[in-house]
C-alpha atoms as a PDB file:
ATOM      1  CA  MET A   1       4.054  60.486  -8.745  1.00  0.00           C
ATOM      2  CA  CYS A   2       5.833  57.327  -8.346  1.00  0.00           C
ATOM      3  CA  GLY A   3       9.241  59.229  -7.261  1.00  0.00           C
ATOM      4  CA  LEU A   4       7.205  60.927  -4.538  1.00  0.00           C
ATOM      5  CA  ARG A   5       5.863  57.670  -3.335  1.00  0.00           C
ATOM      6  CA  HIS A   6       9.239  55.885  -3.244  1.00  0.00           C
ATOM      7  CA  THR A   7      10.861  58.817  -1.388  1.00  0.00           C
ATOM      8  CA  CYS A   8       7.895  58.621   1.349  1.00  0.00           C
ATOM      9  CA  LEU A   9       8.155  55.101   1.824  1.00  0.00           C
ATOM     10  CA  THR A  10      11.941  55.189   1.806  1.00  0.00           C
ATOM     11  CA  ASN A  11      11.792  58.231   4.377  1.00  0.00           C
ATOM     12  CA  TRP A  12       9.208  56.247   6.435  1.00  0.00           C
ATOM     13  CA  LEU A  13      11.518  52.968   6.614  1.00  0.00           C
ATOM     14  CA  ASN A  14      14.658  55.225   7.244  1.00  0.00           C
ATOM     15  CA  ALA A  15      12.977  56.909  10.272  1.00  0.00           C
ATOM     16  CA  GLY A  16      12.076  53.458  11.708  1.00  0.00           C
ATOM     17  CA  VAL A  17       8.461  53.093  10.672  1.00  0.00           C
ATOM     18  CA  PRO A  18       7.822  49.422  11.342  1.00  0.00           C
ATOM     19  CA  PRO A  19       7.422  47.907   7.665  1.00  0.00           C
ATOM     20  CA  ALA A  20       4.052  46.240   8.344  1.00  0.00           C
ATOM     21  CA  SER A  21       2.885  49.787   8.937  1.00  0.00           C
ATOM     22  CA  ALA A  22       4.408  51.385   6.113  1.00  0.00           C
ATOM     23  CA  ALA A  23       3.034  48.536   3.878  1.00  0.00           C
ATOM     24  CA  GLU A  24      -0.379  49.072   5.283  1.00  0.00           C
ATOM     25  CA  TRP A  25      -0.202  53.053   4.713  1.00  0.00           C
ATOM     26  CA  ALA A  26       1.226  52.520   1.347  1.00  0.00           C
ATOM     27  CA  GLY A  27      -1.242  49.794   0.583  1.00  0.00           C
ATOM     28  CA  ASN A  28       1.312  47.183  -0.122  1.00  0.00           C
ATOM     29  CA  SER A  29       2.050  43.787   1.259  1.00  0.00           C
ATOM     30  CA  VAL A  30       4.769  43.421   3.514  1.00  0.00           C
ATOM     31  CA  PRO A  31       6.961  41.143   1.365  1.00  0.00           C
ATOM     32  CA  VAL A  32       6.645  43.394  -1.922  1.00  0.00           C
ATOM     33  CA  LEU A  33       7.599  46.291   0.830  1.00  0.00           C
ATOM     34  CA  LEU A  34      10.618  44.419   1.599  1.00  0.00           C
ATOM     35  CA  ALA A  35      11.487  43.100  -1.576  1.00  0.00           C
ATOM     36  CA  THR A  36      11.649  46.806  -2.911  1.00  0.00           C
ATOM     37  CA  TYR A  37      13.010  48.673   0.080  1.00  0.00           C
ATOM     38  CA  ALA A  38      15.222  46.221   1.946  1.00  0.00           C
ATOM     39  CA  ARG A  39      17.904  48.707   1.555  1.00  0.00           C
ATOM     40  CA  CYS A  40      16.182  50.959   3.827  1.00  0.00           C
ATOM     41  CA  ILE A  41      15.946  49.006   7.014  1.00  0.00           C
ATOM     42  CA  ASP A  42      19.491  48.061   6.653  1.00  0.00           C
ATOM     43  CA  GLY A  43      21.822  49.932   9.439  1.00  0.00           C
ATOM     44  CA  GLN A  44      19.365  49.764  12.019  1.00  0.00           C
ATOM     45  CA  LEU A  45      20.737  46.757  13.602  1.00  0.00           C
ATOM     46  CA  ASP A  46      22.123  48.751  16.990  1.00  0.00           C
ATOM     47  CA  ASP A  47      18.688  50.438  17.415  1.00  0.00           C
ATOM     48  CA  LEU A  48      17.009  47.312  17.355  1.00  0.00           C
ATOM     49  CA  LYS A  49      19.229  45.236  19.575  1.00  0.00           C
ATOM     50  CA  GLN A  50      18.795  48.300  22.362  1.00  0.00           C
ATOM     51  CA  ARG A  51      14.918  47.819  21.962  1.00  0.00           C
ATOM     52  CA  ILE A  52      15.473  43.997  22.385  1.00  0.00           C
ATOM     53  CA  GLU A  53      17.651  44.771  25.240  1.00  0.00           C
ATOM     54  CA  GLY A  54      15.124  47.065  26.590  1.00  0.00           C
ATOM     55  CA  ALA A  55      12.118  44.362  26.526  1.00  0.00           C
ATOM     56  CA  GLY A  56      14.429  42.008  28.629  1.00  0.00           C
ATOM     57  CA  GLU A  57      13.676  44.934  31.326  1.00  0.00           C
ATOM     58  CA  LEU A  58      10.162  44.089  31.815  1.00  0.00           C
ATOM     59  CA  PRO A  59       8.688  42.972  35.148  1.00  0.00           C
ATOM     60  CA  ASP A  60       8.798  39.141  35.822  1.00  0.00           C
ATOM     61  CA  LEU A  61       4.944  37.977  35.784  1.00  0.00           C
ATOM     62  CA  ALA A  62       5.734  35.091  37.629  1.00  0.00           C
ATOM     63  CA  ALA A  63       7.157  36.882  40.506  1.00  0.00           C
ATOM     64  CA  ALA A  64       4.211  39.228  40.404  1.00  0.00           C
ATOM     65  CA  GLY A  65       1.583  36.448  40.763  1.00  0.00           C
ATOM     66  CA  VAL A  66       0.187  36.838  36.927  1.00  0.00           C
END
């Protein structure tokens, strides 16, 4: 059963599920999850950079009067 759990968590993280969500679903803490599965989130830097750049395209709230 432990092998299936490991496979499931590995697949979630490789698919881009946020570590906090995967940890919650698995009943782990984020530090424990990252200590065990850190290699799974390695290699996602390009995707993360695109997300950060996309976040920079948010509307300017000051110009909108908010």
